[in-house]
Each structure stands twice: as structure tokens, then as C-alpha cells.
C-alpha atoms as a PDB file:
ATOM      1  CA  MET A   1      78.463  -2.251  30.475  1.00  0.00           C
ATOM      2  CA  ASN A   2      75.830  -0.618  32.414  1.00  0.00           C
ATOM      3  CA  SER A   3      77.075   3.177  32.857  1.00  0.00           C
ATOM      4  CA  ASP A   4      74.179   5.691  32.538  1.00  0.00           C
ATOM      5  CA  LYS A   5      76.385   7.485  29.915  1.00  0.00           C
ATOM      6  CA  THR A   6      76.360   6.293  26.602  1.00  0.00           C
ATOM      7  CA  TYR A   7      79.438   6.823  24.132  1.00  0.00           C
ATOM      8  CA  CYS A   8      79.344   6.914  19.869  1.00  0.00           C
ATOM      9  CA  LEU A   9      82.241   4.744  18.948  1.00  0.00           C
ATOM     10  CA  ILE A  10      84.354   6.291  16.234  1.00  0.00           C
ATOM     11  CA  THR A  11      87.463   4.047  14.549  1.00  0.00           C
ATOM     12  CA  GLY A  12      89.875   5.777  12.715  1.00  0.00           C
ATOM     13  CA  ALA A  13      89.305   9.334  14.760  1.00  0.00           C
ATOM     14  CA  SER A  14      92.573  11.201  14.833  1.00  0.00           C
ATOM     15  CA  ASN A  15      92.014  12.269  10.508  1.00  0.00           C
ATOM     16  CA  GLY A  16      90.349  12.763   7.887  1.00  0.00           C
ATOM     17  CA  ILE A  17      86.592  12.034   8.021  1.00  0.00           C
ATOM     18  CA  GLY A  18      86.692   9.912  11.316  1.00  0.00           C
ATOM     19  CA  LYS A  19      88.202  13.153  13.061  1.00  0.00           C
ATOM     20  CA  ALA A  20      85.037  15.368  11.436  1.00  0.00           C
ATOM     21  CA  LEU A  21      82.689  12.915  12.385  1.00  0.00           C
ATOM     22  CA  ALA A  22      84.707  13.342  15.954  1.00  0.00           C
ATOM     23  CA  GLU A  23      83.911  16.964  15.597  1.00  0.00           C
ATOM     24  CA  GLU A  24      80.474  16.797  14.471  1.00  0.00           C
ATOM     25  CA  CYS A  25      79.529  14.255  17.142  1.00  0.00           C
ATOM     26  CA  THR A  26      81.111  16.733  19.446  1.00  0.00           C
ATOM     27  CA  LYS A  27      78.768  19.551  17.690  1.00  0.00           C
ATOM     28  CA  ARG A  28      75.780  16.946  18.649  1.00  0.00           C
ATOM     29  CA  ASN A  29      76.928  16.451  22.530  1.00  0.00           C
ATOM     30  CA  MET A  30      77.806  13.014  21.982  1.00  0.00           C
ATOM     31  CA  ASN A  31      80.534  11.088  24.454  1.00  0.00           C
ATOM     32  CA  LEU A  32      82.851  10.090  22.657  1.00  0.00           C
ATOM     33  CA  PHE A  33      84.682   6.717  22.396  1.00  0.00           C
ATOM     34  CA  LEU A  34      87.417   7.682  19.788  1.00  0.00           C
ATOM     35  CA  VAL A  35      90.133   4.740  18.067  1.00  0.00           C
ATOM     36  CA  ALA A  36      92.656   5.349  16.230  1.00  0.00           C
ATOM     37  CA  LEU A  37      96.525   4.384  15.786  1.00  0.00           C
ATOM     38  CA  PRO A  38      99.340   5.059  18.068  1.00  0.00           C
ATOM     39  CA  GLU A  39     101.293   8.504  17.657  1.00  0.00           C
ATOM     40  CA  SER A  40      98.325   9.712  15.329  1.00  0.00           C
ATOM     41  CA  GLY A  41      97.564  12.518  17.369  1.00  0.00           C
ATOM     42  CA  LEU A  42      94.535  10.680  18.633  1.00  0.00           C
ATOM     43  CA  GLU A  43      95.118  12.278  22.348  1.00  0.00           C
ATOM     44  CA  GLU A  44      95.316  16.032  21.407  1.00  0.00           C
ATOM     45  CA  LEU A  45      92.110  15.417  19.505  1.00  0.00           C
ATOM     46  CA  ALA A  46      90.530  14.364  22.471  1.00  0.00           C
ATOM     47  CA  ASN A  47      92.080  17.132  24.299  1.00  0.00           C
ATOM     48  CA  HIS A  48      90.628  19.611  22.235  1.00  0.00           C
ATOM     49  CA  LEU A  49      87.385  18.377  21.797  1.00  0.00           C
ATOM     50  CA  SER A  50      86.892  18.141  25.633  1.00  0.00           C
ATOM     51  CA  GLN A  51      87.190  21.597  25.694  1.00  0.00           C
ATOM     52  CA  VAL A  52      83.939  22.383  23.526  1.00  0.00           C
ATOM     53  CA  ASN A  53      81.780  21.103  25.930  1.00  0.00           C
ATOM     54  CA  ASP A  54      81.185  19.078  29.279  1.00  0.00           C
ATOM     55  CA  ASN A  55      80.960  15.731  27.080  1.00  0.00           C
ATOM     56  CA  ASP A  56      82.927  12.582  28.358  1.00  0.00           C
ATOM     57  CA  ILE A  57      85.872  11.526  25.599  1.00  0.00           C
ATOM     58  CA  LYS A  58      87.670   8.757  26.030  1.00  0.00           C
ATOM     59  CA  CYS A  59      90.373   7.481  23.638  1.00  0.00           C
ATOM     60  CA  LEU A  60      92.195   4.444  22.509  1.00  0.00           C
ATOM     61  CA  SER A  61      95.609   3.988  20.433  1.00  0.00           C
ATOM     62  CA  ILE A  62      95.521   0.616  18.719  1.00  0.00           C
ATOM     63  CA  ASP A  63      96.088  -0.779  15.501  1.00  0.00           C
ATOM     64  CA  LEU A  64      93.376  -2.282  14.033  1.00  0.00           C
ATOM     65  CA  THR A  65      95.044  -4.558  12.014  1.00  0.00           C
ATOM     66  CA  LEU A  66      96.447  -6.608  14.729  1.00  0.00           C
ATOM     67  CA  PRO A  67      94.198  -9.804  15.075  1.00  0.00           C
ATOM     68  CA  ASP A  68      93.274  -9.215  18.687  1.00  0.00           C
ATOM     69  CA  ALA A  69      92.402  -5.755  18.544  1.00  0.00           C
ATOM     70  CA  PRO A  70      88.583  -5.324  18.067  1.00  0.00           C
ATOM     71  CA  LYS A  71      88.229  -7.489  21.547  1.00  0.00           C
ATOM     72  CA  LYS A  72      90.324  -5.134  22.973  1.00  0.00           C
ATOM     73  CA  VAL A  73      88.432  -2.175  22.207  1.00  0.00           C
ATOM     74  CA  PHE A  74      85.478  -4.257  23.024  1.00  0.00           C
ATOM     75  CA  ASP A  75      87.391  -5.351  26.328  1.00  0.00           C
ATOM     76  CA  TYR A  76      88.467  -1.715  26.915  1.00  0.00           C
ATOM     77  CA  ALA A  77      84.516  -0.718  26.749  1.00  0.00           C
ATOM     78  CA  LYS A  78      83.605  -3.183  29.265  1.00  0.00           C
ATOM     79  CA  THR A  79      86.407  -2.306  31.667  1.00  0.00           C
ATOM     80  CA  ASN A  80      85.862   1.031  31.430  1.00  0.00           C
ATOM     81  CA  ARG A  81      81.836   0.993  31.636  1.00  0.00           C
ATOM     82  CA  LEU A  82      81.207   2.640  28.263  1.00  0.00           C
ATOM     83  CA  THR A  83      77.548   1.383  27.083  1.00  0.00           C
ATOM     84  CA  VAL A  84      78.398   1.918  23.030  1.00  0.00           C
ATOM     85  CA  ASN A  85      74.789   3.052  21.618  1.00  0.00           C
ATOM     86  CA  LYS A  86      76.373   4.352  18.496  1.00  0.00           C
ATOM     87  CA  LEU A  87      79.012   2.220  16.466  1.00  0.00           C
ATOM     88  CA  ILE A  88      81.061   4.252  13.715  1.00  0.00           C
ATOM     89  CA  ASN A  89      83.430   2.120  11.675  1.00  0.00           C
ATOM     90  CA  ASN A  90      85.152   4.489   9.668  1.00  0.00           C
ATOM     91  CA  ALA A  91      88.775   3.167   9.781  1.00  0.00           C
ATOM     92  CA  GLY A  92      90.242   2.119   6.575  1.00  0.00           C
ATOM     93  CA  VAL A  93      92.919   2.496   3.918  1.00  0.00           C
ATOM     94  CA  GLY A  94      93.114   2.854   0.432  1.00  0.00           C
ATOM     95  CA  GLY A  95      95.514   2.990  -2.431  1.00  0.00           C
ATOM     96  CA  GLU A  96      95.641   3.055  -6.255  1.00  0.00           C
ATOM     97  CA  ASN A  97      98.234   0.734  -8.298  1.00  0.00           C
ATOM     98  CA  ASN A  98      97.800  -1.937 -10.652  1.00  0.00           C
ATOM     99  CA  MET A  99      97.613  -5.127  -8.920  1.00  0.00           C
ATOM    100  CA  MET A 100     100.185  -6.721 -10.639  1.00  0.00           C
ATOM    101  CA  ASP A 101     102.508  -3.868  -8.897  1.00  0.00           C
ATOM    102  CA  GLN A 102     101.333  -3.658  -5.529  1.00  0.00           C
ATOM    103  CA  ASN A 103     102.917  -5.124  -1.891  1.00  0.00           C
ATOM    104  CA  PRO A 104     101.137  -7.959  -0.495  1.00  0.00           C
ATOM    105  CA  ASP A 105     101.747  -6.527   3.030  1.00  0.00           C
ATOM    106  CA  ASP A 106      99.641  -3.336   1.678  1.00  0.00           C
ATOM    107  CA  ILE A 107      97.003  -5.849   0.116  1.00  0.00           C
ATOM    108  CA  ASP A 108      96.581  -7.498   3.498  1.00  0.00           C
ATOM    109  CA  THR A 109      96.319  -4.519   5.636  1.00  0.00           C
ATOM    110  CA  MET A 110      93.935  -3.452   3.424  1.00  0.00           C
ATOM    111  CA  ILE A 111      92.251  -6.435   3.576  1.00  0.00           C
ATOM    112  CA  GLN A 112      92.737  -6.700   7.636  1.00  0.00           C
ATOM    113  CA  LEU A 113      91.571  -3.224   8.091  1.00  0.00           C
ATOM    114  CA  ASN A 114      88.634  -2.615   6.106  1.00  0.00           C
ATOM    115  CA  ILE A 115      87.144  -5.977   5.948  1.00  0.00           C
ATOM    116  CA  ARG A 116      87.941  -7.761   9.307  1.00  0.00           C
ATOM    117  CA  ALA A 117      88.303  -4.600  11.701  1.00  0.00           C
ATOM    118  CA  THR A 118      85.068  -3.742  11.220  1.00  0.00           C
ATOM    119  CA  THR A 119      83.080  -6.964  10.611  1.00  0.00           C
ATOM    120  CA  LEU A 120      84.550  -8.410  14.280  1.00  0.00           C
ATOM    121  CA  LEU A 121      83.932  -4.574  15.943  1.00  0.00           C
ATOM    122  CA  THR A 122      80.600  -5.005  14.539  1.00  0.00           C
ATOM    123  CA  TYR A 123      80.360  -8.818  16.444  1.00  0.00           C
ATOM    124  CA  TYR A 124      81.458  -7.987  19.085  1.00  0.00           C
ATOM    125  CA  PHE A 125      79.619  -4.767  20.200  1.00  0.00           C
ATOM    126  CA  LEU A 126      76.340  -6.031  18.762  1.00  0.00           C
ATOM    127  CA  LYS A 127      74.491  -8.033  21.384  1.00  0.00           C
ATOM    128  CA  GLU A 128      75.595  -5.523  23.897  1.00  0.00           C
ATOM    129  CA  MET A 129      73.544  -3.066  21.529  1.00  0.00           C
ATOM    130  CA  LYS A 130      70.641  -5.420  21.412  1.00  0.00           C
ATOM    131  CA  GLY A 131      70.076  -4.581  25.278  1.00  0.00           C
ATOM    132  CA  LEU A 132      69.808  -0.917  24.390  1.00  0.00           C
ATOM    133  CA  PRO A 133      66.627   1.256  24.103  1.00  0.00           C
ATOM    134  CA  LYS A 134      67.903   2.647  20.666  1.00  0.00           C
ATOM    135  CA  ALA A 135      71.538   2.012  18.855  1.00  0.00           C
ATOM    136  CA  TYR A 136      72.917   3.130  15.702  1.00  0.00           C
ATOM    137  CA  ILE A 137      75.545   1.208  13.216  1.00  0.00           C
ATOM    138  CA  LEU A 138      77.295   3.578  10.526  1.00  0.00           C
ATOM    139  CA  ASN A 139      79.603   1.569   8.243  1.00  0.00           C
ATOM    140  CA  VAL A 140      81.943   4.390   5.982  1.00  0.00           C
ATOM    141  CA  SER A 141      82.327   2.568   2.252  1.00  0.00           C
ATOM    142  CA  SER A 142      82.882   4.697  -0.666  1.00  0.00           C
ATOM    143  CA  PHE A 143      81.060   5.660  -3.400  1.00  0.00           C
ATOM    144  CA  GLY A 144      83.426   2.587  -5.043  1.00  0.00           C
ATOM    145  CA  ALA A 145      81.631  -0.061  -4.067  1.00  0.00           C
ATOM    146  CA  PHE A 146      79.059   0.372  -6.709  1.00  0.00           C
ATOM    147  CA  LEU A 147      81.689   0.623  -9.751  1.00  0.00           C
ATOM    148  CA  PRO A 148      84.855  -1.242 -10.890  1.00  0.00           C
ATOM    149  CA  LEU A 149      87.653   0.687 -10.101  1.00  0.00           C
ATOM    150  CA  PRO A 150      91.117   0.523 -12.211  1.00  0.00           C
ATOM    151  CA  LYS A 151      94.192   0.123 -10.544  1.00  0.00           C
ATOM    152  CA  LYS A 152      91.649   0.411  -7.039  1.00  0.00           C
ATOM    153  CA  CYS A 153      90.763  -3.282  -7.328  1.00  0.00           C
ATOM    154  CA  VAL A 154      91.545  -4.417  -3.832  1.00  0.00           C
ATOM    155  CA  TYR A 155      90.418  -1.476  -2.712  1.00  0.00           C
ATOM    156  CA  ALA A 156      86.922  -1.614  -4.464  1.00  0.00           C
ATOM    157  CA  ALA A 157      86.249  -4.657  -3.673  1.00  0.00           C
ATOM    158  CA  THR A 158      86.792  -4.256   0.246  1.00  0.00           C
ATOM    159  CA  LYS A 159      84.099  -1.245   0.019  1.00  0.00           C
ATOM    160  CA  THR A 160      81.670  -3.227  -2.163  1.00  0.00           C
ATOM    161  CA  TYR A 161      82.129  -5.904   1.293  1.00  0.00           C
ATOM    162  CA  ILE A 162      81.337  -2.857   3.494  1.00  0.00           C
ATOM    163  CA  LEU A 163      77.799  -2.237   1.018  1.00  0.00           C
ATOM    164  CA  PHE A 164      76.627  -6.107   1.212  1.00  0.00           C
ATOM    165  CA  PHE A 165      77.374  -6.593   4.790  1.00  0.00           C
ATOM    166  CA  SER A 166      75.518  -3.343   6.236  1.00  0.00           C
ATOM    167  CA  ARG A 167      72.661  -4.034   3.282  1.00  0.00           C
ATOM    168  CA  SER A 168      72.336  -7.572   5.371  1.00  0.00           C
ATOM    169  CA  LEU A 169      72.762  -6.634   8.427  1.00  0.00           C
ATOM    170  CA  HIS A 170      70.108  -3.836   8.239  1.00  0.00           C
ATOM    171  CA  ALA A 171      67.603  -6.597   6.768  1.00  0.00           C
ATOM    172  CA  GLU A 172      68.970  -9.160   9.840  1.00  0.00           C
ATOM    173  CA  LEU A 173      67.629  -6.198  12.382  1.00  0.00           C
ATOM    174  CA  LYS A 174      65.061  -4.925  10.834  1.00  0.00           C
ATOM    175  CA  GLY A 175      62.041  -4.278  13.517  1.00  0.00           C
ATOM    176  CA  THR A 176      64.441  -4.248  16.477  1.00  0.00           C
ATOM    177  CA  ASN A 177      66.322  -1.283  18.088  1.00  0.00           C
ATOM    178  CA  ILE A 178      69.757  -1.193  15.895  1.00  0.00           C
ATOM    179  CA  THR A 179      69.484   0.781  12.534  1.00  0.00           C
ATOM    180  CA  VAL A 180      72.583   0.488  10.349  1.00  0.00           C
ATOM    181  CA  SER A 181      73.617   2.227   7.732  1.00  0.00           C
ATOM    182  CA  SER A 182      76.809   3.058   5.410  1.00  0.00           C
ATOM    183  CA  VAL A 183      77.728   5.946   3.576  1.00  0.00           C
ATOM    184  CA  TYR A 184      79.280   5.939   0.483  1.00  0.00           C
ATOM    185  CA  PRO A 185      81.360   9.671  -0.306  1.00  0.00           C
ATOM    186  CA  SER A 186      83.131   9.714  -3.591  1.00  0.00           C
ATOM    187  CA  GLY A 187      86.275  11.955  -3.261  1.00  0.00           C
ATOM    188  CA  VAL A 188      87.231  13.584  -0.551  1.00  0.00           C
ATOM    189  CA  THR A 189      89.937  16.223   0.232  1.00  0.00           C
ATOM    190  CA  THR A 190      91.246  14.445   3.321  1.00  0.00           C
ATOM    191  CA  ASN A 191      94.834  15.686   2.529  1.00  0.00           C
ATOM    192  CA  SER A 192      97.304  17.683   0.041  1.00  0.00           C
ATOM    193  CA  ARG A 193      97.922  14.831  -1.507  1.00  0.00           C
ATOM    194  CA  VAL A 194      94.404  13.777  -2.426  1.00  0.00           C
ATOM    195  CA  LYS A 195      93.838  17.343  -3.033  1.00  0.00           C
ATOM    196  CA  GLU A 196      96.167  17.807  -5.849  1.00  0.00           C
ATOM    197  CA  THR A 197      94.976  14.172  -7.290  1.00  0.00           C
ATOM    198  CA  ILE A 198      91.502  15.655  -7.106  1.00  0.00           C
ATOM    199  CA  GLN A 199      92.874  18.133  -9.364  1.00  0.00           C
ATOM    200  CA  LYS A 200      94.089  16.262 -12.093  1.00  0.00           C
ATOM    201  CA  SER A 201      91.335  14.136 -12.210  1.00  0.00           C
ATOM    202  CA  HIS A 202      87.997  14.304 -14.388  1.00  0.00           C
ATOM    203  CA  PHE A 203      85.594  16.524 -14.096  1.00  0.00           C
ATOM    204  CA  MET A 204      83.356  14.270 -12.924  1.00  0.00           C
ATOM    205  CA  ALA A 205      85.442  13.129  -9.933  1.00  0.00           C
ATOM    206  CA  ARG A 206      86.227  16.806  -9.043  1.00  0.00           C
ATOM    207  CA  ILE A 207      82.180  18.120  -8.877  1.00  0.00           C
ATOM    208  CA  THR A 208      81.802  15.062  -6.561  1.00  0.00           C
ATOM    209  CA  THR A 209      84.479  15.898  -3.908  1.00  0.00           C
ATOM    210  CA  LEU A 210      83.386  17.428  -0.985  1.00  0.00           C
ATOM    211  CA  GLN A 211      85.146  18.585   2.750  1.00  0.00           C
ATOM    212  CA  PRO A 212      85.744  15.939   5.361  1.00  0.00           C
ATOM    213  CA  SER A 213      82.952  17.979   7.192  1.00  0.00           C
ATOM    214  CA  ASP A 214      80.031  17.911   4.576  1.00  0.00           C
ATOM    215  CA  VAL A 215      80.889  13.985   4.696  1.00  0.00           C
ATOM    216  CA  ALA A 216      80.630  14.055   8.364  1.00  0.00           C
ATOM    217  CA  ARG A 217      77.397  16.479   8.744  1.00  0.00           C
ATOM    218  CA  VAL A 218      75.670  13.901   6.047  1.00  0.00           C
ATOM    219  CA  SER A 219      76.543  10.717   7.567  1.00  0.00           C
ATOM    220  CA  VAL A 220      75.718  11.439  11.201  1.00  0.00           C
ATOM    221  CA  LYS A 221      72.662  13.305   9.989  1.00  0.00           C
ATOM    222  CA  GLY A 222      71.475   9.946   7.794  1.00  0.00           C
ATOM    223  CA  MET A 223      72.625   7.251  10.822  1.00  0.00           C
ATOM    224  CA  LEU A 224      70.240   9.206  13.112  1.00  0.00           C
ATOM    225  CA  LYS A 225      67.624   9.354  10.925  1.00  0.00           C
ATOM    226  CA  GLY A 226      67.975   5.086  10.258  1.00  0.00           C
ATOM    227  CA  ARG A 227      69.058   5.688   6.629  1.00  0.00           C
ATOM    228  CA  ARG A 228      70.278   2.853   5.200  1.00  0.00           C
ATOM    229  CA  ILE A 229      71.976   4.301   2.528  1.00  0.00           C
ATOM    230  CA  ILE A 230      73.783   7.307   2.552  1.00  0.00           C
ATOM    231  CA  THR A 231      75.367   9.406  -0.641  1.00  0.00           C
ATOM    232  CA  PRO A 232      76.613  12.754   0.724  1.00  0.00           C
ATOM    233  CA  GLY A 233      76.521  15.796  -1.898  1.00  0.00           C
ATOM    234  CA  PHE A 234      74.184  16.458  -4.744  1.00  0.00           C
ATOM    235  CA  ALA A 235      76.396  15.294  -7.354  1.00  0.00           C
ATOM    236  CA  THR A 236      77.524  11.912  -5.705  1.00  0.00           C
ATOM    237  CA  THR A 237      73.454  11.283  -5.604  1.00  0.00           C
ATOM    238  CA  LEU A 238      72.660  12.100  -8.903  1.00  0.00           C
ATOM    239  CA  PHE A 239      75.165   9.604 -10.034  1.00  0.00           C
ATOM    240  CA  TYR A 240      73.945   7.222  -7.866  1.00  0.00           C
ATOM    241  CA  ILE A 241      71.273   7.190  -9.383  1.00  0.00           C
ATOM    242  CA  LEU A 242      71.448   7.086 -12.679  1.00  0.00           C
ATOM    243  CA  GLY A 243      73.932   4.270 -12.061  1.00  0.00           C
ATOM    244  CA  SER A 244      71.070   2.523 -11.116  1.00  0.00           C
ATOM    245  CA  LEU A 245      69.140   3.546 -13.529  1.00  0.00           C
ATOM    246  CA  LEU A 246      71.826   3.207 -16.916  1.00  0.00           C
ATOM    247  CA  PRO A 247      73.119  -0.252 -17.867  1.00  0.00           C
ATOM    248  CA  TYR A 248      76.083  -1.496 -16.195  1.00  0.00           C
ATOM    249  CA  GLY A 249      78.082  -1.671 -19.644  1.00  0.00           C
ATOM    250  CA  ILE A 250      77.781   2.101 -20.238  1.00  0.00           C
ATOM    251  CA  VAL A 251      78.406   2.894 -16.526  1.00  0.00           C
ATOM    252  CA  PHE A 252      81.644   0.552 -16.411  1.00  0.00           C
ATOM    253  CA  ARG A 253      82.853   2.627 -19.571  1.00  0.00           C
ATOM    254  CA  MET A 254      82.120   5.986 -17.872  1.00  0.00           C
ATOM    255  CA  VAL A 255      84.163   4.633 -15.494  1.00  0.00           C
ATOM    256  CA  GLY A 256      87.021   3.851 -17.388  1.00  0.00           C
ATOM    257  CA  ARG A 257      86.903   6.807 -19.230  1.00  0.00           C
ATOM    258  CA  ILE A 258      86.911   9.017 -15.819  1.00  0.00           C
ATOM    259  CA  PHE A 259      89.710   6.912 -13.937  1.00  0.00           C
ATOM    260  CA  LYS A 260      92.167   6.737 -17.274  1.00  0.00           C
ATOM    261  CA  LYS A 261      92.243  10.484 -17.250  1.00  0.00           C
ATOM    262  CA  SER A 262      92.883  10.375 -13.682  1.00  0.00           C
ATOM    263  CA  SER A 263      96.283   8.395 -13.637  1.00  0.00           C
END
């Protein structure tokens, strides 16, 4: 990868936080390498963003849960001489149901996308990024990584993996040219269904809710500053601090009441 241009790779870029991240990075005059599912509107987004400024935008439609997908993303970058100096692992999927009522295929998809794809994409691009003057990795987790979440146990577990994967990698790369950041948003109004769910939720869930554009702005700013942990929004940051100080049993009971109300 010896191109004079550098690119920011964003997965799950066609909607929600991923789309907002692509828009935020475009505002910051970054060249983009966007990855998302086929027929998800990725090409339309790339065409739209290409009209904002003269920056180069490449896109690849692929299902990251497929076994060879992360390697194909890396190979596409090498074939097209895209020097990736910013890797944003955003692609992920959630769900809400009692563990015994979940579909095993949905569970497998969640694990493959939230854990495997993020891990392997980081692995493949890491060696190339170490040869650059400066590089950044941003992993999108969830505030659920810090808490026990009834009816979201698999999702919370995958996001907790991102928490410890990011913190361990940060420690491993400390003092190098690569900074590793991870972001932990709470509720984000990504679509109408999510908005309706949030409106019916507990007060604490509602006051921590943010727009995707707000999460993207704080995330990219934190990434470029090399912040290890990013908690978007005042209320989310406050709850993160309180959760670090309060006994775990109290936090567990509070979260249980919140999710009982939400469901």
C-alpha cells in the first residue's frame, strides 16, 4: 500500500452511526473506504459524499459475517493501493429477547459480526498501519459493555469483548505510531423503531440518547486526540463515572429496574 493518499476505512457505513461517521469524516476532508452490506445504499451514499468535496471515496459491498470477508476487504485495499491510516470498526448488530427465545442463527451472526469481523480486520490492517507515520483504530462498542443487560446478554457480551480487546491492544501498542480508541454510546436514534423503543424506556435511558451525528462527531474527535475510552454525551459520561465509583451490586439493581421498565 504505497499510495500517496491515505484512507479512513469505515465498516457498517451505509446507515446509522456508520453513515454519520462517514459524513463526519467527509467534513474533515478525509478520503474514505466504505464497507457495508450489499443493497444497503452504500453506493448512493458514496456518490452523495463525493459531491461534498474533492476527496476520494471507495466502497465495497460485502457481508462481513462470511468467513473470508475480512481478508477480502484487506485484499481490496491492497489491490487498489489504498493506504488505510484510520480503521473504524463500526459494523455490528443487536437484538433484544430472552436467551432461550433467541434464534441460534441470529446469535451466530451477532458473534461473527460484532467480534470476529472487528478482530480480523484489525489483524489484517495492523501490520500495514505500523509502517505509517501515524495511524488510528476506533472500535465502536456500547455502554452495555459496562453493564449486565437483561434480554441483551449476547449483545452485551460481544460489546464487552470490544472493550477488553481495545484496552489490551491499546496497551500493546502504547508508544507506537498507532493509537487505539473505543467509543461507548448509550441509546442512539438510528431508526424509527429504535426511537419508539427509547420513548417508552426509563427516564435514564431517554436522557442518555443521542443522534448519530452527535456520536460521530465526538467519536472522530476523540479518535484523533488518541483518547482511549470515549463516552459521548454529558449524561453518558456522568453515568460512566458513577458506575466506576458505585458498588457493583447497586449498579446491577439499577440497570435491572431500567430494563424491566423498558421491556
